[in-house]
Amino acid sequence: MAVSLIRHNLDLFGIKDITSVIVEGHNQFPDRSEALIREGIERAAEAAKSFKGLKVIPASAGPAFHSEGGER
């Protein structure tokens, strides 16, 4: 799983305080993918509120990337 790889790599740099928000099922259930991704973005925004010095962009602002893969 990609999360294990990322956690291991962060650990190599001494980063131990990690908050994870994992969105699953968006490929398995394409009819519900938008809702699943939106919920994941909302959970990530909620988790980000505990981070110091960061600006939280509300999920209502839309996805961070367009479906074509370009940044907004």
N, C-alpha and C. Protein backbone atom coordinates (compact mmCIF):
# COMPACT_ATOMS: atom_id res chain seq x y z
N MET A 1 0.84 -1.18 0.00
CA MET A 1 0.00 0.00 0.00
C MET A 1 0.88 1.24 0.00
N ALA A 2 0.49 2.26 -0.73
CA ALA A 2 1.28 3.48 -0.87
C ALA A 2 1.49 4.18 0.47
N VAL A 3 0.52 4.07 1.36
CA VAL A 3 0.63 4.76 2.65
C VAL A 3 1.84 4.24 3.43
N SER A 4 2.06 2.94 3.39
CA SER A 4 3.21 2.36 4.10
C SER A 4 4.52 2.90 3.54
N LEU A 5 4.61 3.00 2.24
CA LEU A 5 5.82 3.52 1.60
C LEU A 5 6.07 4.97 2.00
N ILE A 6 5.04 5.78 1.95
CA ILE A 6 5.19 7.20 2.31
C ILE A 6 5.57 7.34 3.78
N ARG A 7 4.89 6.58 4.65
CA ARG A 7 5.23 6.64 6.08
C ARG A 7 6.69 6.24 6.32
N HIS A 8 7.12 5.20 5.64
CA HIS A 8 8.51 4.75 5.79
C HIS A 8 9.48 5.83 5.33
N ASN A 9 9.20 6.45 4.19
CA ASN A 9 10.08 7.50 3.68
C ASN A 9 10.10 8.71 4.60
N LEU A 10 8.95 9.09 5.14
CA LEU A 10 8.92 10.21 6.09
C LEU A 10 9.71 9.87 7.35
N ASP A 11 9.61 8.61 7.78
CA ASP A 11 10.35 8.16 8.96
C ASP A 11 11.86 8.27 8.73
N LEU A 12 12.30 8.02 7.51
CA LEU A 12 13.73 8.14 7.20
C LEU A 12 14.23 9.56 7.43
N PHE A 13 13.35 10.54 7.25
CA PHE A 13 13.72 11.93 7.47
C PHE A 13 13.39 12.40 8.88
N GLY A 14 12.96 11.47 9.73
CA GLY A 14 12.68 11.80 11.12
C GLY A 14 11.30 12.37 11.38
N ILE A 15 10.43 12.30 10.40
CA ILE A 15 9.08 12.83 10.56
C ILE A 15 8.22 11.74 11.17
N LYS A 16 7.79 11.97 12.40
CA LYS A 16 7.04 10.95 13.13
C LYS A 16 5.57 11.34 13.35
N ASP A 17 5.29 12.63 13.39
CA ASP A 17 3.94 13.12 13.67
C ASP A 17 3.19 13.22 12.34
N ILE A 18 2.46 12.18 11.99
CA ILE A 18 1.80 12.08 10.69
C ILE A 18 0.30 11.94 10.89
N THR A 19 -0.45 12.71 10.13
CA THR A 19 -1.90 12.59 10.10
C THR A 19 -2.29 12.08 8.72
N SER A 20 -3.01 10.98 8.68
CA SER A 20 -3.40 10.38 7.40
C SER A 20 -4.90 10.52 7.18
N VAL A 21 -5.27 10.84 5.96
CA VAL A 21 -6.65 10.83 5.52
C VAL A 21 -6.65 10.00 4.24
N ILE A 22 -7.26 8.84 4.29
CA ILE A 22 -7.23 7.91 3.17
C ILE A 22 -8.62 7.82 2.54
N VAL A 23 -8.66 8.02 1.23
CA VAL A 23 -9.92 7.93 0.48
C VAL A 23 -9.88 6.62 -0.30
N GLU A 24 -10.80 5.74 0.01
CA GLU A 24 -10.85 4.45 -0.66
C GLU A 24 -12.20 4.26 -1.35
N GLY A 25 -12.20 3.43 -2.36
CA GLY A 25 -13.44 3.05 -3.02
C GLY A 25 -13.80 3.87 -4.24
N HIS A 26 -13.05 4.95 -4.52
CA HIS A 26 -13.42 5.80 -5.64
C HIS A 26 -13.18 5.11 -6.99
N ASN A 27 -12.28 4.16 -7.04
CA ASN A 27 -12.10 3.37 -8.28
C ASN A 27 -13.05 2.18 -8.31
N GLN A 28 -13.30 1.61 -7.16
CA GLN A 28 -14.17 0.43 -7.07
C GLN A 28 -15.63 0.79 -7.32
N PHE A 29 -16.03 1.98 -6.91
CA PHE A 29 -17.43 2.42 -7.06
C PHE A 29 -17.46 3.72 -7.87
N PRO A 30 -17.29 3.64 -9.18
CA PRO A 30 -17.22 4.87 -9.99
C PRO A 30 -18.48 5.73 -9.91
N ASP A 31 -19.62 5.11 -9.63
CA ASP A 31 -20.85 5.88 -9.52
C ASP A 31 -20.87 6.75 -8.26
N ARG A 32 -20.03 6.41 -7.28
CA ARG A 32 -19.97 7.17 -6.02
C ARG A 32 -18.64 7.89 -5.85
N SER A 33 -17.80 7.89 -6.90
CA SER A 33 -16.45 8.43 -6.75
C SER A 33 -16.43 9.90 -6.35
N GLU A 34 -17.29 10.72 -6.96
CA GLU A 34 -17.29 12.14 -6.61
C GLU A 34 -17.63 12.36 -5.14
N ALA A 35 -18.62 11.65 -4.65
CA ALA A 35 -19.02 11.80 -3.24
C ALA A 35 -17.91 11.31 -2.31
N LEU A 36 -17.28 10.18 -2.65
CA LEU A 36 -16.21 9.64 -1.82
C LEU A 36 -15.02 10.60 -1.77
N ILE A 37 -14.68 11.15 -2.91
CA ILE A 37 -13.56 12.10 -2.95
C ILE A 37 -13.91 13.37 -2.20
N ARG A 38 -15.13 13.87 -2.37
CA ARG A 38 -15.57 15.08 -1.66
C ARG A 38 -15.50 14.85 -0.14
N GLU A 39 -15.96 13.68 0.33
CA GLU A 39 -15.90 13.38 1.76
C GLU A 39 -14.45 13.33 2.23
N GLY A 40 -13.57 12.76 1.42
CA GLY A 40 -12.15 12.72 1.77
C GLY A 40 -11.54 14.10 1.88
N ILE A 41 -11.91 14.98 0.95
CA ILE A 41 -11.41 16.36 1.00
C ILE A 41 -11.92 17.05 2.26
N GLU A 42 -13.18 16.83 2.61
CA GLU A 42 -13.73 17.43 3.83
C GLU A 42 -13.01 16.90 5.07
N ARG A 43 -12.72 15.59 5.10
CA ARG A 43 -11.99 15.03 6.25
C ARG A 43 -10.57 15.59 6.32
N ALA A 44 -9.95 15.78 5.16
CA ALA A 44 -8.60 16.35 5.13
C ALA A 44 -8.61 17.80 5.62
N ALA A 45 -9.61 18.56 5.20
CA ALA A 45 -9.73 19.96 5.66
C ALA A 45 -9.93 20.01 7.17
N GLU A 46 -10.75 19.10 7.68
CA GLU A 46 -10.97 19.05 9.13
C GLU A 46 -9.67 18.70 9.87
N ALA A 47 -8.93 17.74 9.35
CA ALA A 47 -7.66 17.37 9.97
C ALA A 47 -6.66 18.51 9.89
N ALA A 48 -6.67 19.26 8.80
CA ALA A 48 -5.72 20.35 8.60
C ALA A 48 -5.94 21.50 9.58
N LYS A 49 -7.12 21.61 10.15
CA LYS A 49 -7.39 22.68 11.11
C LYS A 49 -6.48 22.59 12.33
N SER A 50 -5.99 21.40 12.62
CA SER A 50 -5.11 21.23 13.77
C SER A 50 -3.66 21.58 13.45
N PHE A 51 -3.34 21.80 12.16
CA PHE A 51 -1.98 22.16 11.77
C PHE A 51 -1.77 23.64 12.00
N LYS A 52 -0.60 24.01 12.48
CA LYS A 52 -0.31 25.41 12.75
C LYS A 52 0.29 26.08 11.53
N GLY A 53 -0.17 27.30 11.26
CA GLY A 53 0.42 28.10 10.19
C GLY A 53 0.00 27.73 8.79
N LEU A 54 -1.05 26.93 8.63
CA LEU A 54 -1.51 26.55 7.30
C LEU A 54 -2.89 27.11 7.03
N LYS A 55 -3.14 27.45 5.79
CA LYS A 55 -4.46 27.93 5.39
C LYS A 55 -5.28 26.74 4.92
N VAL A 56 -6.50 26.61 5.44
CA VAL A 56 -7.39 25.52 5.06
C VAL A 56 -8.34 26.02 3.98
N ILE A 57 -8.31 25.35 2.82
CA ILE A 57 -9.22 25.68 1.72
C ILE A 57 -10.44 24.78 1.88
N PRO A 58 -11.64 25.34 2.02
CA PRO A 58 -12.82 24.50 2.23
C PRO A 58 -13.10 23.59 1.05
N ALA A 59 -13.67 22.44 1.33
CA ALA A 59 -13.99 21.47 0.28
C ALA A 59 -14.93 22.06 -0.75
N SER A 60 -15.73 23.04 -0.36
CA SER A 60 -16.66 23.66 -1.30
C SER A 60 -15.93 24.41 -2.41
N ALA A 61 -14.64 24.66 -2.22
CA ALA A 61 -13.85 25.34 -3.25
C ALA A 61 -13.54 24.42 -4.41
N GLY A 62 -13.84 23.13 -4.26
CA GLY A 62 -13.61 22.18 -5.34
C GLY A 62 -12.33 21.41 -5.15
N PRO A 63 -12.08 20.46 -6.03
CA PRO A 63 -10.88 19.65 -5.90
C PRO A 63 -9.62 20.46 -6.15
N ALA A 64 -8.52 20.02 -5.59
CA ALA A 64 -7.25 20.73 -5.74
C ALA A 64 -6.71 20.60 -7.16
N PHE A 65 -7.12 19.58 -7.88
CA PHE A 65 -6.65 19.37 -9.24
C PHE A 65 -7.84 19.11 -10.14
N HIS A 66 -7.74 19.58 -11.37
CA HIS A 66 -8.77 19.29 -12.35
C HIS A 66 -8.64 17.85 -12.80
N SER A 67 -9.68 17.30 -13.38
CA SER A 67 -9.64 15.92 -13.84
C SER A 67 -8.60 15.70 -14.92
N GLU A 68 -8.19 16.76 -15.63
CA GLU A 68 -7.16 16.62 -16.64
C GLU A 68 -5.78 16.51 -16.01
N GLY A 69 -5.69 16.74 -14.71
CA GLY A 69 -4.42 16.59 -14.01
C GLY A 69 -3.69 17.90 -13.78
N GLY A 70 -4.18 19.01 -14.30
CA GLY A 70 -3.51 20.29 -14.09
C GLY A 70 -3.91 20.91 -12.77
N GLU A 71 -3.01 21.73 -12.23
CA GLU A 71 -3.33 22.43 -10.99
C GLU A 71 -4.35 23.51 -11.27
N ARG A 72 -5.14 23.85 -10.23
CA ARG A 72 -6.12 24.92 -10.44
C ARG A 72 -5.50 26.26 -10.20
